[in-house]
Amino acid sequence: MVDEEISQSILVSGESGAGKTESTKNLMQYLAFMGGRPSDSSEGKRSVEQQVLESNPVLEAFGNAKTVRNNNSSRFGKFVEIQFNERGKISGAAIRTYLLERSRVCQVSDPERNYHCFYMLCAAPPESEKYKVGNPRKFHYLNQSNFYELNGVDESQEYLATKKAMDVVGISSDEQEAIFRVVAAILHLGNIEFTKGSEPDSSQPKDDQSRFHLETAAELFMCDKTALEDSFCTRVIVTRGESIKKCLDPAAAAICRDAFAKIVYLQLFDWLVSKINNTIGQDSDSKFFIGVLDIYGFESFKTNRCLTGTPLVSSFRLGIGYFITVALYSHLTNRPYILCSFEQFCINLTNEKLQQHFNQHVFKMEQEEYTKEEIDWSYIQFEDNQDILDLIEKKPGGILALLDEAWYVYVSIYFCLYIMFVFLSTIIYHIEYISYHILCGQYTL
């Protein structure tokens, strides 16, 4: 960067468990060492590079979780832009995050875990009593899996380390208390169960235990208990000139509860990233930057976590489309026939696009240049995944375009048959490519 005076970017990719997160931390430590400046200890200020490094444990606590292959898997994409001045010293930084796996907040497959912060809070004695948490086995959002403890990890110590890192990145003690208060409230939300109400198609908290968790969640959120209950058990339809309140049955109320928990956790995570960025500060006058992109890779799950986060959309029509999507994608890539979350499917598509970008710049463009210059060389054979991208995202017959259409059209068996027909037409269009890979028995990325 300094020699050529050109900004650089580093892409860290690979399958889950390959070491992307640890490699990214090592890269950032190296860049902080090479471009670091001594901190202003006289004023008690931390240097930019120290704050960038200490942001890792904070983001890992709220964005990482145990998966089948990895005890500390990043469940979000992260781009860290480290800015440098003309002398090659770090002058600022910015962190951007992508596609946090929200469905994990409410649904966890065995033997995986939810996000680390939930278990840290349960293991911290003073806070666990203060926020009425404690044993993680008693919370619905955590006990869907039988895996609670990581080997060699003391969750109470991790909790203290996370709070220390929060101090470094400028999160005050009051803000820290508010953060973990929200985390505890989300756990209590998951334990609110619903039963039929007095009116037709209505719902209400199931028993005293559910009402206790509702009151505790409202207390932690600092909101009115009745308003919180109404947000789960009813929905408001706004029409021209009036609004209509409609009751929801117990199943729909549980879906609203989970959707609320996911949105709250996403907002909390986004706030943390924004707070870290404001504390570190960006240098608008920076000369260069080095970007480090850490994306989480391919991974398969035993169960499909979430087909849709919207309770008003039928999971039947998306279920059929998504089932065909995963089955077809499994054949194309020769990957295990296991349903994964829709977020994970989007991540897989992102990896496919990165592979295409690599093919375009390393193989296609270079070999076209050799041909133009009439250089004597041997053509390099490589697997081009453009047909996979066309099959998934090309309009109007791509898989994502058809799923988008399914959102807007009222569900019916005839429409589902129509979608399946268009899927088959799309498959027939790519039949030569698909047949080739099925006959070969493998597909290489």
Protein backbone atom coordinates (compact mmCIF):
# COMPACT_ATOMS: atom_id res chain seq x y z
CA MET A 1 0.00 0.00 0.00
CA VAL A 2 2.74 2.46 0.97
CA ASP A 3 5.05 1.54 -1.92
CA GLU A 4 2.40 1.63 -4.65
CA GLU A 5 0.17 4.25 -2.99
CA ILE A 6 -2.95 2.18 -3.72
CA SER A 7 -5.60 1.09 -1.22
CA GLN A 8 -5.85 -2.66 -0.70
CA SER A 9 -8.51 -5.19 0.32
CA ILE A 10 -8.20 -8.65 1.83
CA LEU A 11 -10.94 -11.27 1.41
CA VAL A 12 -11.07 -14.04 4.03
CA SER A 13 -13.32 -16.85 2.82
CA GLY A 14 -13.76 -20.60 3.26
CA GLU A 15 -15.99 -23.23 4.84
CA SER A 16 -17.19 -22.91 8.40
CA GLY A 17 -14.48 -23.97 10.83
CA ALA A 18 -11.66 -23.25 8.36
CA GLY A 19 -10.27 -20.46 10.58
CA LYS A 20 -11.61 -17.30 8.92
CA THR A 21 -12.39 -15.46 12.17
CA GLU A 22 -9.00 -16.24 13.73
CA SER A 23 -7.21 -15.33 10.48
CA THR A 24 -9.04 -12.00 10.42
CA LYS A 25 -7.99 -11.26 14.00
CA ASN A 26 -4.37 -12.10 13.17
CA LEU A 27 -4.51 -9.83 10.12
CA MET A 28 -5.88 -6.96 12.18
CA GLN A 29 -3.22 -7.48 14.86
CA TYR A 30 -0.52 -7.35 12.18
CA LEU A 31 -1.95 -4.19 10.60
CA ALA A 32 -2.31 -2.58 14.03
CA PHE A 33 1.33 -3.40 14.82
CA MET A 34 2.70 -2.15 11.49
CA GLY A 35 0.59 1.01 11.34
CA GLY A 36 0.15 1.66 15.06
CA ARG A 37 0.99 4.73 17.06
CA PRO A 38 1.55 4.95 20.82
CA SER A 39 -1.58 5.74 22.82
CA ASP A 40 -1.93 9.01 24.69
CA SER A 41 -1.58 7.53 28.16
CA SER A 42 -1.37 10.95 29.80
CA GLU A 43 -5.01 11.60 28.93
CA GLY A 44 -6.08 7.98 29.41
CA LYS A 45 -7.09 7.64 25.77
CA ARG A 46 -6.82 4.45 23.76
CA SER A 47 -5.28 4.50 20.29
CA VAL A 48 -7.40 3.78 17.22
CA GLU A 49 -5.71 0.42 16.68
CA GLN A 50 -6.38 -0.65 20.27
CA GLN A 51 -10.04 0.20 19.88
CA VAL A 52 -10.24 -1.68 16.58
CA LEU A 53 -8.73 -4.81 18.17
CA GLU A 54 -10.98 -4.59 21.25
CA SER A 55 -14.06 -4.35 19.05
CA ASN A 56 -13.53 -8.03 18.12
CA PRO A 57 -14.57 -9.57 21.47
CA VAL A 58 -17.62 -7.29 21.64
CA LEU A 59 -18.85 -8.27 18.18
CA GLU A 60 -18.02 -11.92 18.81
CA ALA A 61 -20.09 -11.96 22.01
CA PHE A 62 -23.19 -10.71 20.19
CA GLY A 63 -22.59 -12.04 16.67
CA ASN A 64 -20.84 -15.40 17.13
CA ALA A 65 -22.25 -18.77 18.15
CA LYS A 66 -21.40 -22.46 18.29
CA THR A 67 -22.33 -24.39 15.15
CA VAL A 68 -21.84 -28.02 14.19
CA ARG A 69 -18.31 -27.42 12.90
CA ASN A 70 -17.14 -24.44 14.89
CA ASN A 71 -17.41 -23.31 18.52
CA ASN A 72 -16.98 -19.64 17.61
CA SER A 73 -18.61 -19.21 14.23
CA SER A 74 -19.29 -15.68 12.97
CA ARG A 75 -22.98 -15.50 12.12
CA PHE A 76 -22.62 -12.20 10.26
CA GLY A 77 -20.42 -10.71 7.57
CA LYS A 78 -17.93 -8.04 8.57
CA PHE A 79 -15.92 -5.51 6.56
CA VAL A 80 -13.31 -3.56 8.53
CA GLU A 81 -11.87 -0.53 6.76
CA ILE A 82 -8.61 0.54 8.44
CA GLN A 83 -7.64 4.02 7.29
CA PHE A 84 -4.06 5.30 7.03
CA ASN A 85 -2.45 8.72 6.66
CA GLU A 86 0.27 9.61 4.15
CA ARG A 87 2.96 8.24 6.50
CA GLY A 88 1.32 4.82 6.66
CA LYS A 89 0.01 5.22 10.22
CA ILE A 90 -3.53 4.29 11.27
CA SER A 91 -5.71 7.39 11.42
CA GLY A 92 -9.25 5.95 11.58
CA ALA A 93 -11.43 2.92 11.00
CA ALA A 94 -14.96 1.88 10.11
CA ILE A 95 -16.81 -1.40 10.60
CA ARG A 96 -19.68 -2.54 8.39
CA THR A 97 -21.70 -5.66 9.12
CA TYR A 98 -23.93 -7.72 6.83
CA LEU A 99 -26.77 -10.23 7.21
CA LEU A 100 -26.82 -11.10 10.91
CA GLU A 101 -28.49 -14.50 11.32
CA ARG A 102 -31.59 -13.32 13.16
CA SER A 103 -33.39 -16.67 13.10
CA ARG A 104 -30.82 -18.10 15.52
CA VAL A 105 -32.24 -15.90 18.30
CA CYS A 106 -35.45 -17.96 18.38
CA GLN A 107 -34.54 -21.32 16.83
CA VAL A 108 -31.43 -23.38 17.53
CA SER A 109 -30.59 -26.82 16.15
CA ASP A 110 -28.96 -29.47 18.31
CA PRO A 111 -25.97 -29.52 19.00
CA GLU A 112 -25.57 -25.81 18.29
CA ARG A 113 -25.97 -22.83 20.61
CA ASN A 114 -27.52 -19.40 20.52
CA TYR A 115 -25.34 -16.29 20.58
CA HIS A 116 -22.61 -16.25 23.24
CA CYS A 117 -23.97 -13.20 25.10
CA PHE A 118 -27.01 -15.13 26.38
CA TYR A 119 -24.88 -17.78 28.09
CA MET A 120 -22.44 -15.15 29.42
CA LEU A 121 -25.27 -13.30 31.12
CA CYS A 122 -26.69 -16.50 32.65
CA ALA A 123 -23.23 -17.33 34.07
CA ALA A 124 -22.65 -13.91 35.68
CA PRO A 125 -23.93 -14.29 39.31
CA PRO A 126 -24.80 -10.66 40.23
CA GLU A 127 -26.41 -9.89 36.86
CA SER A 128 -28.20 -13.23 36.59
CA GLU A 129 -30.02 -12.50 39.86
CA LYS A 130 -30.61 -8.88 38.93
CA TYR A 131 -32.17 -9.73 35.57
CA LYS A 132 -33.84 -12.96 36.81
CA VAL A 133 -32.03 -15.28 34.43
CA GLY A 134 -29.63 -17.92 35.79
CA ASN A 135 -29.77 -21.48 34.44
CA PRO A 136 -29.90 -21.38 30.60
CA ARG A 137 -31.78 -24.71 30.56
CA LYS A 138 -34.99 -23.01 31.69
CA PHE A 139 -35.22 -20.65 28.70
CA HIS A 140 -36.98 -21.72 25.52
CA TYR A 141 -34.63 -19.81 23.24
CA LEU A 142 -31.67 -21.74 24.71
CA ASN A 143 -33.01 -25.20 25.62
CA GLN A 144 -34.00 -26.23 22.09
CA SER A 145 -30.45 -27.58 21.95
CA ASN A 146 -28.88 -29.83 24.57
CA PHE A 147 -25.53 -28.05 24.26
CA TYR A 148 -24.98 -25.33 26.88
CA GLU A 149 -21.27 -25.21 27.78
CA LEU A 150 -18.16 -24.95 25.63
CA ASN A 151 -15.14 -27.02 26.60
CA GLY A 152 -12.41 -24.90 28.18
CA VAL A 153 -14.53 -21.73 28.25
CA ASP A 154 -15.56 -20.00 31.48
CA GLU A 155 -18.64 -17.97 30.54
CA SER A 156 -18.41 -15.77 33.64
CA GLN A 157 -14.83 -14.78 32.72
CA GLU A 158 -15.90 -14.18 29.13
CA TYR A 159 -18.61 -11.88 30.44
CA LEU A 160 -16.04 -9.82 32.36
CA ALA A 161 -13.71 -9.75 29.33
CA THR A 162 -16.56 -8.52 27.13
CA LYS A 163 -17.41 -5.71 29.59
CA LYS A 164 -13.73 -4.73 29.68
CA ALA A 165 -13.65 -4.59 25.88
CA MET A 166 -16.81 -2.46 25.97
CA ASP A 167 -14.99 0.00 28.23
CA VAL A 168 -12.17 0.26 25.66
CA VAL A 169 -14.49 0.96 22.72
CA GLY A 170 -16.29 3.70 24.64
CA ILE A 171 -19.48 2.01 25.86
CA SER A 172 -20.33 3.49 29.25
CA SER A 173 -21.42 1.47 32.30
CA ASP A 174 -25.00 2.74 31.96
CA GLU A 175 -25.06 1.69 28.32
CA GLN A 176 -23.63 -1.71 29.23
CA GLU A 177 -26.38 -2.21 31.79
CA ALA A 178 -29.01 -1.29 29.19
CA ILE A 179 -27.46 -3.72 26.68
CA PHE A 180 -27.61 -6.72 29.00
CA ARG A 181 -31.04 -5.67 30.23
CA VAL A 182 -32.27 -6.06 26.63
CA VAL A 183 -30.48 -9.41 26.30
CA ALA A 184 -32.22 -10.68 29.45
CA ALA A 185 -35.59 -9.35 28.26
CA ILE A 186 -35.27 -11.34 25.02
CA LEU A 187 -34.72 -14.53 27.04
CA HIS A 188 -37.89 -13.85 29.04
CA LEU A 189 -39.84 -13.18 25.85
CA GLY A 190 -39.16 -16.72 24.68
CA ASN A 191 -40.83 -18.17 27.78
CA ILE A 192 -44.15 -16.42 27.16
CA GLU A 193 -46.64 -19.05 25.98
CA PHE A 194 -50.11 -18.35 24.67
CA THR A 195 -53.49 -20.05 24.90
CA LYS A 196 -56.94 -19.33 23.48
CA GLY A 197 -58.63 -16.18 24.79
CA SER A 198 -62.25 -15.52 25.62
CA GLU A 199 -63.03 -14.15 22.14
CA PRO A 200 -62.91 -16.22 18.93
CA ASP A 201 -59.44 -16.49 17.38
CA SER A 202 -57.92 -14.53 20.27
CA SER A 203 -55.02 -15.36 22.57
CA GLN A 204 -53.66 -14.55 26.01
CA PRO A 205 -50.71 -15.60 28.23
CA LYS A 206 -51.07 -19.27 29.05
CA ASP A 207 -50.52 -19.31 32.82
CA ASP A 208 -48.96 -17.48 35.77
CA GLN A 209 -45.46 -18.50 34.65
CA SER A 210 -46.02 -16.88 31.25
CA ARG A 211 -47.41 -13.76 32.92
CA PHE A 212 -44.33 -13.60 35.15
CA HIS A 213 -42.02 -13.63 32.11
CA LEU A 214 -44.23 -11.05 30.38
CA GLU A 215 -44.05 -8.71 33.39
CA THR A 216 -40.29 -9.25 33.72
CA ALA A 217 -39.71 -8.53 30.03
CA ALA A 218 -41.83 -5.37 30.24
CA GLU A 219 -39.90 -4.26 33.33
CA LEU A 220 -36.55 -4.84 31.59
CA PHE A 221 -37.72 -3.07 28.42
CA MET A 222 -39.11 -0.26 30.62
CA CYS A 223 -42.45 -0.38 28.82
CA ASP A 224 -46.09 -0.96 29.71
CA LYS A 225 -46.98 -4.63 30.26
CA THR A 226 -50.41 -4.33 28.65
CA ALA A 227 -48.98 -2.63 25.56
CA LEU A 228 -46.37 -5.37 25.22
CA GLU A 229 -49.03 -8.07 25.50
CA ASP A 230 -51.23 -6.34 22.92
CA SER A 231 -48.32 -6.18 20.47
CA PHE A 232 -48.22 -9.99 20.53
CA CYS A 233 -51.91 -10.87 20.75
CA THR A 234 -53.32 -8.31 18.32
CA ARG A 235 -52.39 -6.56 15.12
CA VAL A 236 -53.60 -3.24 13.76
CA ILE A 237 -54.76 -2.93 10.15
CA VAL A 238 -54.58 0.66 8.95
CA THR A 239 -56.98 1.56 6.15
CA ARG A 240 -57.93 4.85 4.60
CA GLY A 241 -59.49 6.89 7.37
CA GLU A 242 -59.55 4.23 10.08
CA SER A 243 -57.56 1.53 11.88
CA ILE A 244 -58.88 -1.92 12.79
CA LYS A 245 -57.53 -4.03 15.65
CA LYS A 246 -57.64 -7.76 14.93
CA CYS A 247 -57.04 -10.53 17.47
CA LEU A 248 -54.44 -13.22 16.75
CA ASP A 249 -54.71 -16.89 17.66
CA PRO A 250 -52.03 -18.48 19.93
CA ALA A 251 -49.91 -19.71 17.02
CA ALA A 252 -49.84 -16.26 15.37
CA ALA A 253 -49.12 -14.60 18.74
CA ALA A 254 -46.07 -16.87 19.21
CA ILE A 255 -44.84 -15.93 15.72
CA CYS A 256 -45.23 -12.22 16.57
CA ARG A 257 -43.33 -12.76 19.82
CA ASP A 258 -40.42 -14.38 17.94
CA ALA A 259 -40.43 -11.71 15.24
CA PHE A 260 -40.30 -9.02 17.92
CA ALA A 261 -37.36 -10.75 19.65
CA LYS A 262 -35.42 -10.98 16.38
CA ILE A 263 -36.00 -7.34 15.48
CA VAL A 264 -34.96 -6.15 18.95
CA TYR A 265 -31.76 -8.22 18.83
CA LEU A 266 -30.92 -6.94 15.34
CA GLN A 267 -31.42 -3.34 16.46
CA LEU A 268 -29.21 -3.98 19.48
CA PHE A 269 -26.45 -5.43 17.30
CA ASP A 270 -26.67 -2.53 14.82
CA TRP A 271 -26.51 -0.06 17.69
CA LEU A 272 -23.34 -1.72 19.01
CA VAL A 273 -21.66 -1.45 15.59
CA SER A 274 -22.73 2.21 15.27
CA LYS A 275 -21.44 2.98 18.78
CA ILE A 276 -18.07 1.36 18.05
CA ASN A 277 -17.75 3.33 14.79
CA ASN A 278 -18.58 6.62 16.51
CA THR A 279 -16.00 5.94 19.22
CA ILE A 280 -13.18 4.92 16.89
CA GLY A 281 -13.95 7.67 14.39
CA GLN A 282 -13.40 7.79 10.65
CA ASP A 283 -10.70 9.91 9.08
CA SER A 284 -12.22 11.80 6.15
CA ASP A 285 -8.73 13.01 5.18
CA SER A 286 -7.16 9.52 5.10
CA LYS A 287 -4.82 8.84 2.22
CA PHE A 288 -5.30 5.07 1.89
CA PHE A 289 -7.18 2.22 3.48
CA ILE A 290 -6.85 -1.53 3.86
CA GLY A 291 -10.16 -3.38 3.95
CA VAL A 292 -10.57 -6.80 5.56
CA LEU A 293 -13.73 -8.70 4.55
CA ASP A 294 -14.66 -11.65 6.76
CA ILE A 295 -17.72 -13.55 5.52
CA TYR A 296 -19.07 -16.73 7.03
CA GLY A 297 -18.93 -19.67 4.67
CA PHE A 298 -20.87 -22.67 3.51
CA GLU A 299 -22.61 -24.68 6.19
CA SER A 300 -25.46 -27.21 6.41
CA PHE A 301 -27.99 -27.70 9.22
CA LYS A 302 -30.15 -30.64 10.26
CA THR A 303 -33.32 -28.55 10.30
CA ASN A 304 -34.52 -25.51 8.42
CA ARG A 305 -34.60 -22.69 10.97
CA CYS A 306 -36.86 -20.21 9.27
CA LEU A 307 -38.73 -19.96 6.00
CA THR A 308 -40.14 -16.52 6.68
CA GLY A 309 -40.11 -13.99 9.47
CA THR A 310 -43.50 -12.60 8.51
CA PRO A 311 -46.48 -14.29 10.22
CA LEU A 312 -48.93 -13.20 7.52
CA VAL A 313 -47.16 -15.11 4.74
CA SER A 314 -48.01 -18.76 4.32
CA SER A 315 -45.03 -21.02 4.93
CA PHE A 316 -46.61 -23.53 2.54
CA ARG A 317 -45.93 -21.64 -0.66
CA LEU A 318 -42.45 -20.57 0.42
CA GLY A 319 -41.85 -24.07 1.74
CA ILE A 320 -42.43 -25.67 -1.65
CA GLY A 321 -40.30 -23.10 -3.47
CA TYR A 322 -37.53 -23.21 -0.90
CA PHE A 323 -37.53 -27.02 -0.78
CA ILE A 324 -37.04 -27.14 -4.55
CA THR A 325 -34.41 -24.40 -4.28
CA VAL A 326 -32.32 -26.32 -1.74
CA ALA A 327 -32.76 -29.64 -3.57
CA LEU A 328 -31.65 -28.13 -6.87
CA TYR A 329 -28.78 -26.24 -5.29
CA SER A 330 -27.66 -29.48 -3.62
CA HIS A 331 -27.52 -31.24 -6.99
CA LEU A 332 -25.61 -28.41 -8.65
CA THR A 333 -22.97 -28.10 -5.95
CA ASN A 334 -22.83 -31.75 -4.88
CA ARG A 335 -23.49 -30.71 -1.29
CA PRO A 336 -25.45 -32.70 1.34
CA TYR A 337 -29.21 -32.69 0.84
CA ILE A 338 -30.00 -30.88 4.11
CA LEU A 339 -32.30 -27.92 4.54
CA CYS A 340 -30.58 -24.84 5.95
CA SER A 341 -31.91 -21.44 6.90
CA PHE A 342 -32.85 -18.95 4.20
CA GLU A 343 -30.12 -16.65 5.51
CA GLN A 344 -27.57 -19.42 4.98
CA PHE A 345 -28.82 -19.91 1.42
CA CYS A 346 -28.20 -16.19 0.81
CA ILE A 347 -24.70 -16.57 2.25
CA ASN A 348 -24.05 -19.50 -0.10
CA LEU A 349 -25.18 -17.30 -2.99
CA THR A 350 -22.77 -14.61 -1.83
CA ASN A 351 -19.93 -17.12 -1.91
CA GLU A 352 -20.97 -18.18 -5.41
CA LYS A 353 -20.81 -14.55 -6.54
CA LEU A 354 -17.38 -14.11 -5.00
CA GLN A 355 -16.22 -17.23 -6.83
CA GLN A 356 -17.57 -15.77 -10.07
CA HIS A 357 -15.72 -12.51 -9.38
CA PHE A 358 -12.54 -14.53 -8.87
CA ASN A 359 -13.13 -16.46 -12.10
CA GLN A 360 -13.83 -13.25 -14.01
CA HIS A 361 -10.63 -11.48 -12.97
CA VAL A 362 -8.18 -14.36 -12.64
CA PHE A 363 -9.23 -16.58 -15.54
CA LYS A 364 -11.56 -14.90 -18.02
CA MET A 365 -10.07 -11.41 -18.28
CA GLU A 366 -6.45 -12.59 -18.13
CA GLN A 367 -6.95 -15.22 -20.81
CA GLU A 368 -8.81 -12.75 -23.03
CA GLU A 369 -5.84 -10.40 -22.67
CA TYR A 370 -3.44 -13.19 -23.66
CA THR A 371 -5.57 -13.90 -26.72
CA LYS A 372 -5.59 -10.23 -27.78
CA GLU A 373 -1.82 -10.00 -27.44
CA GLU A 374 -1.39 -13.32 -29.34
CA ILE A 375 0.70 -14.82 -26.58
CA ASP A 376 1.55 -18.50 -26.98
CA TRP A 377 -0.03 -20.15 -23.96
CA SER A 378 -2.15 -23.13 -22.93
CA TYR A 379 -5.81 -22.45 -22.14
CA ILE A 380 -6.62 -23.09 -18.47
CA GLN A 381 -9.79 -25.10 -17.93
CA PHE A 382 -11.91 -23.97 -14.97
CA GLU A 383 -15.42 -24.52 -13.67
CA ASP A 384 -17.61 -21.52 -14.50
CA ASN A 385 -20.52 -21.15 -12.07
CA GLN A 386 -22.35 -18.47 -14.08
CA ASP A 387 -25.19 -20.91 -14.83
CA ILE A 388 -25.75 -21.40 -11.09
CA LEU A 389 -26.01 -17.62 -10.61
CA ASP A 390 -28.43 -17.34 -13.55
CA LEU A 391 -30.55 -20.15 -12.17
CA ILE A 392 -30.80 -18.48 -8.75
CA GLU A 393 -31.00 -14.74 -9.45
CA LYS A 394 -31.64 -14.08 -13.15
CA LYS A 395 -34.96 -12.38 -13.92
CA PRO A 396 -37.70 -13.25 -14.67
CA GLY A 397 -37.26 -17.03 -14.33
CA GLY A 398 -34.68 -17.23 -11.53
CA ILE A 399 -35.42 -18.88 -8.21
CA LEU A 400 -35.28 -15.65 -6.17
CA ALA A 401 -37.49 -13.83 -8.68
CA LEU A 402 -40.08 -16.60 -8.44
CA LEU A 403 -39.98 -16.55 -4.65
CA ASP A 404 -40.47 -12.77 -4.76
CA GLU A 405 -43.54 -13.31 -6.91
CA ALA A 406 -44.86 -15.82 -4.38
CA TRP A 407 -44.84 -13.10 -1.71
CA TYR A 408 -47.15 -10.82 -3.68
CA VAL A 409 -49.72 -13.29 -4.98
CA TYR A 410 -52.37 -14.78 -2.70
CA VAL A 411 -51.54 -18.41 -1.90
CA SER A 412 -53.46 -21.15 -3.70
CA ILE A 413 -52.67 -24.66 -4.83
CA TYR A 414 -52.94 -23.52 -8.44
CA PHE A 415 -50.37 -20.81 -7.92
CA CYS A 416 -48.01 -23.30 -6.26
CA LEU A 417 -48.42 -25.59 -9.27
CA TYR A 418 -47.67 -22.63 -11.52
CA ILE A 419 -44.50 -21.85 -9.56
CA MET A 420 -43.42 -25.50 -9.81
CA PHE A 421 -44.08 -25.44 -13.56
CA VAL A 422 -41.89 -22.35 -14.02
CA PHE A 423 -39.21 -23.98 -11.84
CA LEU A 424 -39.26 -27.02 -14.11
CA SER A 425 -39.03 -24.76 -17.17
CA THR A 426 -36.00 -23.07 -15.63
CA ILE A 427 -34.42 -26.43 -14.89
CA ILE A 428 -35.04 -27.62 -18.46
CA TYR A 429 -33.38 -24.45 -19.75
CA HIS A 430 -30.25 -25.39 -17.78
CA ILE A 431 -30.62 -29.13 -18.33
CA GLU A 432 -27.36 -29.51 -20.27
CA TYR A 433 -25.36 -27.89 -17.51
CA ILE A 434 -27.17 -29.75 -14.73
CA SER A 435 -26.88 -33.12 -16.48
CA TYR A 436 -23.16 -32.63 -17.00
CA HIS A 437 -22.50 -32.10 -13.29
CA ILE A 438 -24.80 -34.89 -12.17
CA LEU A 439 -23.03 -37.30 -14.52
CA CYS A 440 -19.61 -36.10 -13.36
CA GLY A 441 -20.71 -36.55 -9.76
CA GLN A 442 -18.96 -33.44 -8.47
CA TYR A 443 -18.88 -29.68 -8.65
CA THR A 444 -15.82 -27.72 -7.59
CA LEU A 445 -15.82 -24.27 -6.02
